[in-house]
Amino acid sequence: MGDFDQAQQWFEKLIKLTQHDTNSLDYAAAQSGLAGVFHEQGKYDKAEPLYKRALAITEKALGENHPSMAAILNNLALLYKKQGEYAKAEPLYKRDLAITEKDLGENHPSVAATLNNLANLYRTQGEYAKAVPLYKRALAITEKTLGENHPSVAATLNNLANSYRTQGEYAKAEPLYKRSLVITEKALGENHPSVATTLNNLAELYKIQGEYAKAEPLYNRALAITEKALGENHPDVATTLNNLANLYRTLGEYAKAEPLYNRALAITEKALGENHPSVATTLNNLAGLYKEQGEYAKAVPLYKRALNILHKTFPKGHPNIDIVESNYEMLKNKK
């Protein structure tokens, strides 16, 4: 938690130094910076009012269509997306897109980045018919402006492939992941964290199709890359541990899965704090492992703790809450 604490103190100090003029852009930047720290920690309730204040100050000082507005709109939209407040996120992304197109032109890489973000929002809601054309437009812009082998092209290929994967269009997804992997390895090196992201996605594709023997080595390679590049206690390591543990759980190899979930839990708690949504994800996974083995007494308190975290973080009716709640309700009387 040291890095977050340090950053928080720094931005709080900056707020004090600039609060003599609460309409200044420096004060807005300090508010936005502190919001970013809370955002990273999953403290969405603390981040939201700070982003809104920064947005209001910037709007008043520079006008509602100033390019400086785009970044704050994007951050606030992402915050709402993470909270499952999709109806609040969409108009912000659209406004960000309009500002960026007007400022930089319709075929600028920054426009592609915003298209990707808006498409991700639609994908999360299962609105693939809206997401796919945006990804395709982002891909065309990026290929044209940055070249076909640029890492940003790889990132968009990944997103488009994720969309196809979620729709069950596996034959469309696989070649996109593979092309993304080749680009990323060539552009950034075989041991770059972005390579691990694509490996994770491709492994997930194989896992869904029951091709476990293809998935496992990819997860293991992703894990090795992430540990080496980011350190053994980075949140991205926990993500891959979760994925690999999920694979073993699917195979019924519970003895292999359990230590991975426990390690993922320890990393996430330490890196992001005990009440971060990612902690709830791992608790839910570990509880599921115990449930499948009939160890209900171990599963129930984990579901309960996951629920407590999610209720603090997300609005009522968020899909993550519904999933964990149904798991908890099913088991709480079986102890």
C-alpha atoms as a PDB file:
ATOM      1  CA  MET A   1       0.000   0.000   0.000  1.00  0.00           C
ATOM      2  CA  GLY A   2       3.100   2.226   0.287  1.00  0.00           C
ATOM      3  CA  ASP A   3       2.954   3.612  -3.267  1.00  0.00           C
ATOM      4  CA  PHE A   4      -0.732   4.499  -2.970  1.00  0.00           C
ATOM      5  CA  ASP A   5      -0.207   6.142   0.434  1.00  0.00           C
ATOM      6  CA  GLN A   6       2.691   8.182  -0.925  1.00  0.00           C
ATOM      7  CA  ALA A   7       0.724   9.297  -3.985  1.00  0.00           C
ATOM      8  CA  GLN A   8      -2.298  10.158  -1.851  1.00  0.00           C
ATOM      9  CA  GLN A   9      -0.198  12.301   0.497  1.00  0.00           C
ATOM     10  CA  TRP A  10       1.435  14.046  -2.460  1.00  0.00           C
ATOM     11  CA  PHE A  11      -1.855  14.980  -4.131  1.00  0.00           C
ATOM     12  CA  GLU A  12      -3.423  16.018  -0.802  1.00  0.00           C
ATOM     13  CA  LYS A  13      -0.444  18.310  -0.278  1.00  0.00           C
ATOM     14  CA  LEU A  14      -0.917  19.667  -3.812  1.00  0.00           C
ATOM     15  CA  ILE A  15      -4.599  20.345  -3.078  1.00  0.00           C
ATOM     16  CA  LYS A  16      -3.613  22.353   0.021  1.00  0.00           C
ATOM     17  CA  LEU A  17      -1.044  24.321  -1.986  1.00  0.00           C
ATOM     18  CA  THR A  18      -3.573  25.217  -4.700  1.00  0.00           C
ATOM     19  CA  GLN A  19      -6.767  25.666  -2.652  1.00  0.00           C
ATOM     20  CA  HIS A  20      -6.280  29.439  -2.365  1.00  0.00           C
ATOM     21  CA  ASP A  21      -7.916  29.464  -5.808  1.00  0.00           C
ATOM     22  CA  THR A  22     -10.461  26.667  -6.096  1.00  0.00           C
ATOM     23  CA  ASN A  23     -11.260  27.729  -9.667  1.00  0.00           C
ATOM     24  CA  SER A  24      -7.705  27.254 -10.920  1.00  0.00           C
ATOM     25  CA  LEU A  25      -6.650  24.511 -13.322  1.00  0.00           C
ATOM     26  CA  ASP A  26      -3.850  23.543 -10.910  1.00  0.00           C
ATOM     27  CA  TYR A  27      -6.464  22.835  -8.242  1.00  0.00           C
ATOM     28  CA  ALA A  28      -8.479  20.821 -10.786  1.00  0.00           C
ATOM     29  CA  ALA A  29      -5.380  18.804 -11.727  1.00  0.00           C
ATOM     30  CA  ALA A  30      -4.687  18.039  -8.051  1.00  0.00           C
ATOM     31  CA  GLN A  31      -8.307  16.890  -7.566  1.00  0.00           C
ATOM     32  CA  SER A  32      -8.073  14.710 -10.670  1.00  0.00           C
ATOM     33  CA  GLY A  33      -4.750  13.245  -9.526  1.00  0.00           C
ATOM     34  CA  LEU A  34      -6.114  12.269  -6.118  1.00  0.00           C
ATOM     35  CA  ALA A  35      -9.191  10.801  -7.830  1.00  0.00           C
ATOM     36  CA  GLY A  36      -6.854   8.633  -9.911  1.00  0.00           C
ATOM     37  CA  VAL A  37      -5.189   7.236  -6.777  1.00  0.00           C
ATOM     38  CA  PHE A  38      -8.558   6.303  -5.236  1.00  0.00           C
ATOM     39  CA  HIS A  39      -9.713   4.913  -8.599  1.00  0.00           C
ATOM     40  CA  GLU A  40      -6.718   2.542  -8.770  1.00  0.00           C
ATOM     41  CA  GLN A  41      -7.457   1.313  -5.246  1.00  0.00           C
ATOM     42  CA  GLY A  42     -11.090   0.584  -6.074  1.00  0.00           C
ATOM     43  CA  LYS A  43     -12.274   3.382  -3.754  1.00  0.00           C
ATOM     44  CA  TYR A  44     -14.791   4.549  -6.322  1.00  0.00           C
ATOM     45  CA  ASP A  45     -16.983   6.450  -3.860  1.00  0.00           C
ATOM     46  CA  LYS A  46     -14.011   8.681  -2.983  1.00  0.00           C
ATOM     47  CA  ALA A  47     -12.822   9.104  -6.573  1.00  0.00           C
ATOM     48  CA  GLU A  48     -16.146  10.142  -8.118  1.00  0.00           C
ATOM     49  CA  PRO A  49     -16.693  13.535  -6.381  1.00  0.00           C
ATOM     50  CA  LEU A  50     -13.072  14.513  -7.077  1.00  0.00           C
ATOM     51  CA  TYR A  51     -13.356  13.759 -10.802  1.00  0.00           C
ATOM     52  CA  LYS A  52     -16.648  15.675 -10.915  1.00  0.00           C
ATOM     53  CA  ARG A  53     -15.101  18.682  -9.209  1.00  0.00           C
ATOM     54  CA  ALA A  54     -12.116  18.631 -11.596  1.00  0.00           C
ATOM     55  CA  LEU A  55     -14.524  18.391 -14.529  1.00  0.00           C
ATOM     56  CA  ALA A  56     -16.639  21.334 -13.323  1.00  0.00           C
ATOM     57  CA  ILE A  57     -13.585  23.563 -12.734  1.00  0.00           C
ATOM     58  CA  THR A  58     -12.028  22.724 -16.125  1.00  0.00           C
ATOM     59  CA  GLU A  59     -15.349  23.255 -17.912  1.00  0.00           C
ATOM     60  CA  LYS A  60     -15.824  26.649 -16.277  1.00  0.00           C
ATOM     61  CA  ALA A  61     -12.255  27.758 -16.998  1.00  0.00           C
ATOM     62  CA  LEU A  62     -11.840  26.497 -20.564  1.00  0.00           C
ATOM     63  CA  GLY A  63     -15.303  25.738 -21.937  1.00  0.00           C
ATOM     64  CA  GLU A  64     -17.177  22.473 -22.301  1.00  0.00           C
ATOM     65  CA  ASN A  65     -15.532  21.446 -25.587  1.00  0.00           C
ATOM     66  CA  HIS A  66     -11.918  22.148 -24.669  1.00  0.00           C
ATOM     67  CA  PRO A  67      -9.476  19.287 -25.374  1.00  0.00           C
ATOM     68  CA  SER A  68      -8.438  19.255 -21.680  1.00  0.00           C
ATOM     69  CA  MET A  69     -11.923  17.999 -20.865  1.00  0.00           C
ATOM     70  CA  ALA A  70     -11.425  14.728 -22.759  1.00  0.00           C
ATOM     71  CA  ALA A  71      -9.085  13.016 -20.277  1.00  0.00           C
ATOM     72  CA  ILE A  72     -11.280  13.775 -17.238  1.00  0.00           C
ATOM     73  CA  LEU A  73     -14.426  12.645 -19.086  1.00  0.00           C
ATOM     74  CA  ASN A  74     -12.645   9.422 -20.017  1.00  0.00           C
ATOM     75  CA  ASN A  75     -11.521   8.737 -16.430  1.00  0.00           C
ATOM     76  CA  LEU A  76     -14.953   9.419 -14.947  1.00  0.00           C
ATOM     77  CA  ALA A  77     -16.585   7.237 -17.628  1.00  0.00           C
ATOM     78  CA  LEU A  78     -14.187   4.384 -16.813  1.00  0.00           C
ATOM     79  CA  LEU A  79     -15.028   4.759 -13.116  1.00  0.00           C
ATOM     80  CA  TYR A  80     -18.760   4.443 -13.872  1.00  0.00           C
ATOM     81  CA  LYS A  81     -18.095   1.462 -16.150  1.00  0.00           C
ATOM     82  CA  LYS A  82     -16.224  -0.344 -13.365  1.00  0.00           C
ATOM     83  CA  GLN A  83     -19.148   0.316 -11.023  1.00  0.00           C
ATOM     84  CA  GLY A  84     -21.600  -1.066 -13.559  1.00  0.00           C
ATOM     85  CA  GLU A  85     -23.224   2.359 -13.998  1.00  0.00           C
ATOM     86  CA  TYR A  86     -23.251   2.043 -17.763  1.00  0.00           C
ATOM     87  CA  ALA A  87     -25.952   4.653 -18.394  1.00  0.00           C
ATOM     88  CA  LYS A  88     -23.738   7.257 -16.712  1.00  0.00           C
ATOM     89  CA  ALA A  89     -20.586   6.173 -18.568  1.00  0.00           C
ATOM     90  CA  GLU A  90     -21.944   6.175 -22.139  1.00  0.00           C
ATOM     91  CA  PRO A  91     -22.699   9.928 -22.549  1.00  0.00           C
ATOM     92  CA  LEU A  92     -19.280  10.785 -21.086  1.00  0.00           C
ATOM     93  CA  TYR A  93     -17.448   8.565 -23.578  1.00  0.00           C
ATOM     94  CA  LYS A  94     -19.551  10.023 -26.408  1.00  0.00           C
ATOM     95  CA  ARG A  95     -18.731  13.547 -25.290  1.00  0.00           C
ATOM     96  CA  ASP A  96     -15.038  12.621 -25.037  1.00  0.00           C
ATOM     97  CA  LEU A  97     -15.239  11.207 -28.592  1.00  0.00           C
ATOM     98  CA  ALA A  98     -16.889  14.352 -30.004  1.00  0.00           C
ATOM     99  CA  ILE A  99     -14.280  16.627 -28.381  1.00  0.00           C
ATOM    100  CA  THR A 100     -11.352  14.491 -29.576  1.00  0.00           C
ATOM    101  CA  GLU A 101     -12.680  14.204 -33.151  1.00  0.00           C
ATOM    102  CA  LYS A 102     -13.208  17.970 -33.340  1.00  0.00           C
ATOM    103  CA  ASP A 103      -9.805  18.759 -31.849  1.00  0.00           C
ATOM    104  CA  LEU A 104      -7.602  16.213 -33.613  1.00  0.00           C
ATOM    105  CA  GLY A 105      -9.599  15.043 -36.629  1.00  0.00           C
ATOM    106  CA  GLU A 106     -11.635  11.888 -37.158  1.00  0.00           C
ATOM    107  CA  ASN A 107      -8.661   9.679 -38.000  1.00  0.00           C
ATOM    108  CA  HIS A 108      -6.337  10.479 -35.100  1.00  0.00           C
ATOM    109  CA  PRO A 109      -4.989   7.647 -32.870  1.00  0.00           C
ATOM    110  CA  SER A 110      -6.572   9.352 -29.828  1.00  0.00           C
ATOM    111  CA  VAL A 111      -9.968   8.973 -31.517  1.00  0.00           C
ATOM    112  CA  ALA A 112      -9.229   5.249 -31.909  1.00  0.00           C
ATOM    113  CA  ALA A 113      -8.435   5.032 -28.176  1.00  0.00           C
ATOM    114  CA  THR A 114     -11.800   6.580 -27.268  1.00  0.00           C
ATOM    115  CA  LEU A 115     -13.625   4.334 -29.765  1.00  0.00           C
ATOM    116  CA  ASN A 116     -11.990   1.361 -28.034  1.00  0.00           C
ATOM    117  CA  ASN A 117     -13.195   2.582 -24.640  1.00  0.00           C
ATOM    118  CA  LEU A 118     -16.769   3.131 -25.830  1.00  0.00           C
ATOM    119  CA  ALA A 119     -16.742  -0.269 -27.554  1.00  0.00           C
ATOM    120  CA  ASN A 120     -15.478  -1.891 -24.321  1.00  0.00           C
ATOM    121  CA  LEU A 121     -18.470  -0.372 -22.532  1.00  0.00           C
ATOM    122  CA  TYR A 122     -20.896  -1.853 -25.069  1.00  0.00           C
ATOM    123  CA  ARG A 123     -19.109  -5.215 -24.954  1.00  0.00           C
ATOM    124  CA  THR A 124     -19.407  -5.338 -21.166  1.00  0.00           C
ATOM    125  CA  GLN A 125     -23.171  -4.891 -21.574  1.00  0.00           C
ATOM    126  CA  GLY A 126     -23.332  -7.586 -24.249  1.00  0.00           C
ATOM    127  CA  GLU A 127     -24.183  -5.022 -26.947  1.00  0.00           C
ATOM    128  CA  TYR A 128     -21.901  -6.597 -29.537  1.00  0.00           C
ATOM    129  CA  ALA A 129     -23.712  -5.084 -32.524  1.00  0.00           C
ATOM    130  CA  LYS A 130     -22.676  -1.663 -31.199  1.00  0.00           C
ATOM    131  CA  ALA A 131     -19.186  -2.684 -30.065  1.00  0.00           C
ATOM    132  CA  VAL A 132     -17.832  -4.526 -33.115  1.00  0.00           C
ATOM    133  CA  PRO A 133     -18.147  -1.652 -35.667  1.00  0.00           C
ATOM    134  CA  LEU A 134     -16.420   0.708 -33.220  1.00  0.00           C
ATOM    135  CA  TYR A 135     -13.533  -1.732 -32.763  1.00  0.00           C
ATOM    136  CA  LYS A 136     -13.300  -2.103 -36.548  1.00  0.00           C
ATOM    137  CA  ARG A 137     -13.210   1.675 -37.020  1.00  0.00           C
ATOM    138  CA  ALA A 138     -10.554   1.974 -34.284  1.00  0.00           C
ATOM    139  CA  LEU A 139      -8.534  -0.770 -35.990  1.00  0.00           C
ATOM    140  CA  ALA A 140      -8.720   0.950 -39.393  1.00  0.00           C
ATOM    141  CA  ILE A 141      -7.614   4.296 -37.900  1.00  0.00           C
ATOM    142  CA  THR A 142      -4.724   2.746 -35.976  1.00  0.00           C
ATOM    143  CA  GLU A 143      -3.457   0.677 -38.912  1.00  0.00           C
ATOM    144  CA  LYS A 144      -3.593   3.702 -41.215  1.00  0.00           C
ATOM    145  CA  THR A 145      -1.964   6.210 -38.859  1.00  0.00           C
ATOM    146  CA  LEU A 146       0.511   4.064 -36.925  1.00  0.00           C
ATOM    147  CA  GLY A 147       1.161   1.134 -39.264  1.00  0.00           C
ATOM    148  CA  GLU A 148      -0.083  -2.447 -39.250  1.00  0.00           C
ATOM    149  CA  ASN A 149       2.518  -3.650 -36.753  1.00  0.00           C
ATOM    150  CA  HIS A 150       2.061  -1.023 -34.048  1.00  0.00           C
ATOM    151  CA  PRO A 151       1.279  -2.129 -30.445  1.00  0.00           C
ATOM    152  CA  SER A 152      -1.943  -0.063 -30.550  1.00  0.00           C
ATOM    153  CA  VAL A 153      -3.116  -2.231 -33.459  1.00  0.00           C
ATOM    154  CA  ALA A 154      -2.408  -5.298 -31.323  1.00  0.00           C
ATOM    155  CA  ALA A 155      -4.459  -3.846 -28.439  1.00  0.00           C
ATOM    156  CA  THR A 156      -7.476  -3.249 -30.708  1.00  0.00           C
ATOM    157  CA  LEU A 157      -7.148  -6.733 -32.232  1.00  0.00           C
ATOM    158  CA  ASN A 158      -7.258  -8.085 -28.676  1.00  0.00           C
ATOM    159  CA  ASN A 159     -10.422  -6.131 -27.905  1.00  0.00           C
ATOM    160  CA  LEU A 160     -12.149  -7.223 -31.106  1.00  0.00           C
ATOM    161  CA  ALA A 161     -11.134 -10.831 -30.450  1.00  0.00           C
ATOM    162  CA  ASN A 162     -12.515 -10.579 -26.889  1.00  0.00           C
ATOM    163  CA  SER A 163     -15.814  -9.444 -28.368  1.00  0.00           C
ATOM    164  CA  TYR A 164     -15.960 -12.421 -30.728  1.00  0.00           C
ATOM    165  CA  ARG A 165     -14.908 -14.788 -27.921  1.00  0.00           C
ATOM    166  CA  THR A 166     -17.688 -13.605 -25.631  1.00  0.00           C
ATOM    167  CA  GLN A 167     -20.182 -14.135 -28.456  1.00  0.00           C
ATOM    168  CA  GLY A 168     -18.906 -17.668 -28.964  1.00  0.00           C
ATOM    169  CA  GLU A 169     -17.399 -16.835 -32.373  1.00  0.00           C
ATOM    170  CA  TYR A 170     -14.183 -18.667 -31.549  1.00  0.00           C
ATOM    171  CA  ALA A 171     -13.040 -19.161 -35.149  1.00  0.00           C
ATOM    172  CA  LYS A 172     -13.077 -15.371 -35.653  1.00  0.00           C
ATOM    173  CA  ALA A 173     -11.307 -14.658 -32.356  1.00  0.00           C
ATOM    174  CA  GLU A 174      -8.337 -17.028 -32.610  1.00  0.00           C
ATOM    175  CA  PRO A 175      -6.546 -15.521 -35.671  1.00  0.00           C
ATOM    176  CA  LEU A 176      -6.941 -12.023 -34.193  1.00  0.00           C
ATOM    177  CA  TYR A 177      -5.323 -13.071 -30.907  1.00  0.00           C
ATOM    178  CA  LYS A 178      -2.515 -14.765 -32.828  1.00  0.00           C
ATOM    179  CA  ARG A 179      -1.899 -11.684 -34.987  1.00  0.00           C
ATOM    180  CA  SER A 180      -1.964  -9.509 -31.863  1.00  0.00           C
ATOM    181  CA  LEU A 181       0.578 -11.811 -30.219  1.00  0.00           C
ATOM    182  CA  VAL A 182       2.979 -11.690 -33.188  1.00  0.00           C
ATOM    183  CA  ILE A 183       2.789  -7.874 -33.366  1.00  0.00           C
ATOM    184  CA  THR A 184       3.333  -7.430 -29.623  1.00  0.00           C
ATOM    185  CA  GLU A 185       6.247  -9.874 -29.423  1.00  0.00           C
ATOM    186  CA  LYS A 186       7.942  -8.209 -32.389  1.00  0.00           C
ATOM    187  CA  ALA A 187       7.307  -4.617 -31.285  1.00  0.00           C
ATOM    188  CA  LEU A 188       7.815  -4.894 -27.528  1.00  0.00           C
ATOM    189  CA  GLY A 189       9.782  -8.116 -27.009  1.00  0.00           C
ATOM    190  CA  GLU A 190       8.721 -11.617 -25.992  1.00  0.00           C
ATOM    191  CA  ASN A 191       8.726 -10.834 -22.278  1.00  0.00           C
ATOM    192  CA  HIS A 192       6.635  -7.658 -22.261  1.00  0.00           C
ATOM    193  CA  PRO A 193       3.517  -7.504 -20.022  1.00  0.00           C
ATOM    194  CA  SER A 194       1.348  -6.834 -23.114  1.00  0.00           C
ATOM    195  CA  VAL A 195       2.423 -10.231 -24.460  1.00  0.00           C
ATOM    196  CA  ALA A 196       1.144 -11.761 -21.214  1.00  0.00           C
ATOM    197  CA  THR A 197      -2.241 -10.055 -21.708  1.00  0.00           C
ATOM    198  CA  THR A 198      -2.699 -11.650 -25.130  1.00  0.00           C
ATOM    199  CA  LEU A 199      -1.463 -15.032 -23.875  1.00  0.00           C
ATOM    200  CA  ASN A 200      -4.070 -14.863 -21.096  1.00  0.00           C
ATOM    201  CA  ASN A 201      -6.812 -14.069 -23.607  1.00  0.00           C
ATOM    202  CA  LEU A 202      -5.790 -16.808 -26.044  1.00  0.00           C
ATOM    203  CA  ALA A 203      -5.540 -19.299 -23.169  1.00  0.00           C
ATOM    204  CA  GLU A 204      -9.047 -18.303 -22.074  1.00  0.00           C
ATOM    205  CA  LEU A 205     -10.287 -18.959 -25.623  1.00  0.00           C
ATOM    206  CA  TYR A 206      -8.805 -22.465 -25.548  1.00  0.00           C
ATOM    207  CA  LYS A 207     -10.149 -23.112 -22.039  1.00  0.00           C
ATOM    208  CA  ILE A 208     -13.708 -22.195 -23.065  1.00  0.00           C
ATOM    209  CA  GLN A 209     -13.444 -24.669 -25.935  1.00  0.00           C
ATOM    210  CA  GLY A 210     -12.164 -27.400 -23.622  1.00  0.00           C
ATOM    211  CA  GLU A 211      -8.670 -27.333 -25.157  1.00  0.00           C
ATOM    212  CA  TYR A 212      -7.022 -27.447 -21.741  1.00  0.00           C
ATOM    213  CA  ALA A 213      -3.695 -28.815 -22.961  1.00  0.00           C
ATOM    214  CA  LYS A 214      -3.304 -25.730 -25.173  1.00  0.00           C
ATOM    215  CA  ALA A 215      -4.439 -23.307 -22.469  1.00  0.00           C
ATOM    216  CA  GLU A 216      -2.204 -24.387 -19.565  1.00  0.00           C
ATOM    217  CA  PRO A 217       1.234 -23.607 -21.113  1.00  0.00           C
ATOM    218  CA  LEU A 218      -0.030 -20.193 -22.242  1.00  0.00           C
ATOM    219  CA  TYR A 219      -1.205 -19.297 -18.731  1.00  0.00           C
ATOM    220  CA  ASN A 220       2.121 -20.501 -17.317  1.00  0.00           C
ATOM    221  CA  ARG A 221       4.073 -18.420 -19.823  1.00  0.00           C
ATOM    222  CA  ALA A 222       1.890 -15.380 -19.063  1.00  0.00           C
ATOM    223  CA  LEU A 223       2.552 -15.899 -15.353  1.00  0.00           C
ATOM    224  CA  ALA A 224       6.327 -16.139 -15.827  1.00  0.00           C
ATOM    225  CA  ILE A 225       6.389 -12.981 -17.985  1.00  0.00           C
ATOM    226  CA  THR A 226       4.274 -10.971 -15.539  1.00  0.00           C
ATOM    227  CA  GLU A 227       6.289 -12.039 -12.485  1.00  0.00           C
ATOM    228  CA  LYS A 228       9.555 -11.163 -14.200  1.00  0.00           C
ATOM    229  CA  ALA A 229       8.403  -7.880 -15.730  1.00  0.00           C
ATOM    230  CA  LEU A 230       6.261  -6.475 -12.908  1.00  0.00           C
ATOM    231  CA  GLY A 231       7.412  -8.339  -9.791  1.00  0.00           C
ATOM    232  CA  GLU A 232       5.900 -11.313  -7.978  1.00  0.00           C
ATOM    233  CA  ASN A 233       3.439  -9.214  -5.981  1.00  0.00           C
ATOM    234  CA  HIS A 234       1.874  -7.160  -8.778  1.00  0.00           C
ATOM    235  CA  PRO A 235      -1.937  -7.238  -9.219  1.00  0.00           C
ATOM    236  CA  ASP A 236      -1.505  -8.517 -12.808  1.00  0.00           C
ATOM    237  CA  VAL A 237       0.254 -11.585 -11.384  1.00  0.00           C
ATOM    238  CA  ALA A 238      -2.843 -12.210  -9.261  1.00  0.00           C
ATOM    239  CA  THR A 239      -5.047 -12.022 -12.381  1.00  0.00           C
ATOM    240  CA  THR A 240      -3.030 -14.738 -14.124  1.00  0.00           C
ATOM    241  CA  LEU A 241      -2.929 -16.873 -10.956  1.00  0.00           C
ATOM    242  CA  ASN A 242      -6.727 -16.633 -10.846  1.00  0.00           C
ATOM    243  CA  ASN A 243      -6.975 -17.684 -14.499  1.00  0.00           C
ATOM    244  CA  LEU A 244      -4.650 -20.656 -14.047  1.00  0.00           C
ATOM    245  CA  ALA A 245      -6.458 -21.696 -10.861  1.00  0.00           C
ATOM    246  CA  ASN A 246      -9.788 -21.501 -12.726  1.00  0.00           C
ATOM    247  CA  LEU A 247      -8.351 -23.885 -15.325  1.00  0.00           C
ATOM    248  CA  TYR A 248      -7.276 -26.404 -12.679  1.00  0.00           C
ATOM    249  CA  ARG A 249     -10.658 -26.055 -10.972  1.00  0.00           C
ATOM    250  CA  THR A 250     -12.418 -26.846 -14.262  1.00  0.00           C
ATOM    251  CA  LEU A 251     -10.213 -29.943 -14.549  1.00  0.00           C
ATOM    252  CA  GLY A 252     -11.081 -30.937 -10.966  1.00  0.00           C
ATOM    253  CA  GLU A 253      -7.424 -30.509  -9.929  1.00  0.00           C
ATOM    254  CA  TYR A 254      -8.386 -28.766  -6.697  1.00  0.00           C
ATOM    255  CA  ALA A 255      -5.051 -29.343  -4.946  1.00  0.00           C
ATOM    256  CA  LYS A 256      -3.324 -27.353  -7.696  1.00  0.00           C
ATOM    257  CA  ALA A 257      -5.954 -24.597  -7.769  1.00  0.00           C
ATOM    258  CA  GLU A 258      -6.213 -23.798  -4.043  1.00  0.00           C
ATOM    259  CA  PRO A 259      -2.650 -22.490  -3.431  1.00  0.00           C
ATOM    260  CA  LEU A 260      -2.911 -20.324  -6.555  1.00  0.00           C
ATOM    261  CA  TYR A 261      -6.153 -18.710  -5.375  1.00  0.00           C
ATOM    262  CA  ASN A 262      -4.646 -18.146  -1.927  1.00  0.00           C
ATOM    263  CA  ARG A 263      -1.553 -16.531  -3.415  1.00  0.00           C
ATOM    264  CA  ALA A 264      -3.721 -14.351  -5.691  1.00  0.00           C
ATOM    265  CA  LEU A 265      -5.754 -13.291  -2.653  1.00  0.00           C
ATOM    266  CA  ALA A 266      -2.664 -12.355  -0.628  1.00  0.00           C
ATOM    267  CA  ILE A 267      -1.208 -10.327  -3.523  1.00  0.00           C
ATOM    268  CA  THR A 268      -4.446  -8.447  -4.215  1.00  0.00           C
ATOM    269  CA  GLU A 269      -5.102  -7.628  -0.557  1.00  0.00           C
ATOM    270  CA  LYS A 270      -1.578  -6.300  -0.116  1.00  0.00           C
ATOM    271  CA  ALA A 271      -1.366  -4.392  -3.403  1.00  0.00           C
ATOM    272  CA  LEU A 272      -4.888  -2.968  -3.687  1.00  0.00           C
ATOM    273  CA  GLY A 273      -6.294  -3.123  -0.151  1.00  0.00           C
ATOM    274  CA  GLU A 274      -8.620  -5.593   1.551  1.00  0.00           C
ATOM    275  CA  ASN A 275     -11.798  -4.024   0.166  1.00  0.00           C
ATOM    276  CA  HIS A 276     -10.891  -3.835  -3.526  1.00  0.00           C
ATOM    277  CA  PRO A 277     -13.333  -5.457  -6.011  1.00  0.00           C
ATOM    278  CA  SER A 278     -10.512  -7.721  -7.267  1.00  0.00           C
ATOM    279  CA  VAL A 279     -10.277  -9.197  -3.754  1.00  0.00           C
ATOM    280  CA  ALA A 280     -13.980 -10.063  -3.992  1.00  0.00           C
ATOM    281  CA  THR A 281     -13.372 -11.813  -7.344  1.00  0.00           C
ATOM    282  CA  THR A 282     -10.714 -14.081  -5.834  1.00  0.00           C
ATOM    283  CA  LEU A 283     -12.803 -14.745  -2.710  1.00  0.00           C
ATOM    284  CA  ASN A 284     -15.700 -15.792  -4.961  1.00  0.00           C
ATOM    285  CA  ASN A 285     -13.408 -18.108  -6.953  1.00  0.00           C
ATOM    286  CA  LEU A 286     -11.906 -19.696  -3.842  1.00  0.00           C
ATOM    287  CA  ALA A 287     -15.354 -20.129  -2.309  1.00  0.00           C
ATOM    288  CA  GLY A 288     -16.470 -21.831  -5.535  1.00  0.00           C
ATOM    289  CA  LEU A 289     -13.559 -24.245  -5.231  1.00  0.00           C
ATOM    290  CA  TYR A 290     -14.623 -25.216  -1.696  1.00  0.00           C
ATOM    291  CA  LYS A 291     -18.278 -25.436  -2.749  1.00  0.00           C
ATOM    292  CA  GLU A 292     -17.421 -27.912  -5.510  1.00  0.00           C
ATOM    293  CA  GLN A 293     -15.623 -30.076  -2.953  1.00  0.00           C
ATOM    294  CA  GLY A 294     -18.592 -29.926  -0.564  1.00  0.00           C
ATOM    295  CA  GLU A 295     -16.627 -27.852   1.964  1.00  0.00           C
ATOM    296  CA  TYR A 296     -19.520 -25.476   2.600  1.00  0.00           C
ATOM    297  CA  ALA A 297     -18.267 -24.291   5.989  1.00  0.00           C
ATOM    298  CA  LYS A 298     -15.167 -22.900   4.265  1.00  0.00           C
ATOM    299  CA  ALA A 299     -17.070 -21.442   1.305  1.00  0.00           C
ATOM    300  CA  VAL A 300     -19.829 -19.521   3.114  1.00  0.00           C
ATOM    301  CA  PRO A 301     -17.644 -16.983   5.020  1.00  0.00           C
ATOM    302  CA  LEU A 302     -15.703 -16.254   1.817  1.00  0.00           C
ATOM    303  CA  TYR A 303     -18.900 -15.542  -0.124  1.00  0.00           C
ATOM    304  CA  LYS A 304     -20.075 -13.359   2.760  1.00  0.00           C
ATOM    305  CA  ARG A 305     -16.845 -11.357   2.803  1.00  0.00           C
ATOM    306  CA  ALA A 306     -16.946 -10.981  -1.003  1.00  0.00           C
ATOM    307  CA  LEU A 307     -20.518  -9.670  -0.743  1.00  0.00           C
ATOM    308  CA  ASN A 308     -19.559  -7.123   1.914  1.00  0.00           C
ATOM    309  CA  ILE A 309     -16.800  -5.784  -0.352  1.00  0.00           C
ATOM    310  CA  LEU A 310     -19.064  -5.601  -3.410  1.00  0.00           C
ATOM    311  CA  HIS A 311     -21.850  -3.817  -1.515  1.00  0.00           C
ATOM    312  CA  LYS A 312     -19.329  -1.154  -0.485  1.00  0.00           C
ATOM    313  CA  THR A 313     -18.068  -0.711  -4.037  1.00  0.00           C
ATOM    314  CA  PHE A 314     -20.916  -1.260  -6.481  1.00  0.00           C
ATOM    315  CA  PRO A 315     -24.498  -0.011  -6.751  1.00  0.00           C
ATOM    316  CA  LYS A 316     -27.377  -2.376  -5.939  1.00  0.00           C
ATOM    317  CA  GLY A 317     -28.206  -4.728  -8.784  1.00  0.00           C
ATOM    318  CA  HIS A 318     -24.652  -4.855 -10.188  1.00  0.00           C
ATOM    319  CA  PRO A 319     -24.132  -8.221 -11.945  1.00  0.00           C
ATOM    320  CA  ASN A 320     -21.153  -9.108  -9.697  1.00  0.00           C
ATOM    321  CA  ILE A 321     -23.323  -8.664  -6.595  1.00  0.00           C
ATOM    322  CA  ASP A 322     -26.082 -10.824  -8.083  1.00  0.00           C
ATOM    323  CA  ILE A 323     -23.645 -13.660  -8.899  1.00  0.00           C
ATOM    324  CA  VAL A 324     -22.053 -13.787  -5.436  1.00  0.00           C
ATOM    325  CA  GLU A 325     -25.396 -13.283  -3.690  1.00  0.00           C
ATOM    326  CA  SER A 326     -26.951 -16.289  -5.429  1.00  0.00           C
ATOM    327  CA  ASN A 327     -23.883 -18.405  -4.532  1.00  0.00           C
ATOM    328  CA  TYR A 328     -24.121 -17.294  -0.906  1.00  0.00           C
ATOM    329  CA  GLU A 329     -27.892 -17.821  -0.602  1.00  0.00           C
ATOM    330  CA  MET A 330     -27.569 -21.306  -2.085  1.00  0.00           C
ATOM    331  CA  LEU A 331     -25.015 -22.384   0.509  1.00  0.00           C
ATOM    332  CA  LYS A 332     -25.652 -20.473   3.722  1.00  0.00           C
ATOM    333  CA  ASN A 333     -28.100 -23.058   5.078  1.00  0.00           C
ATOM    334  CA  LYS A 334     -25.989 -26.045   4.034  1.00  0.00           C
ATOM    335  CA  LYS A 335     -23.258 -25.487   6.597  1.00  0.00           C
END
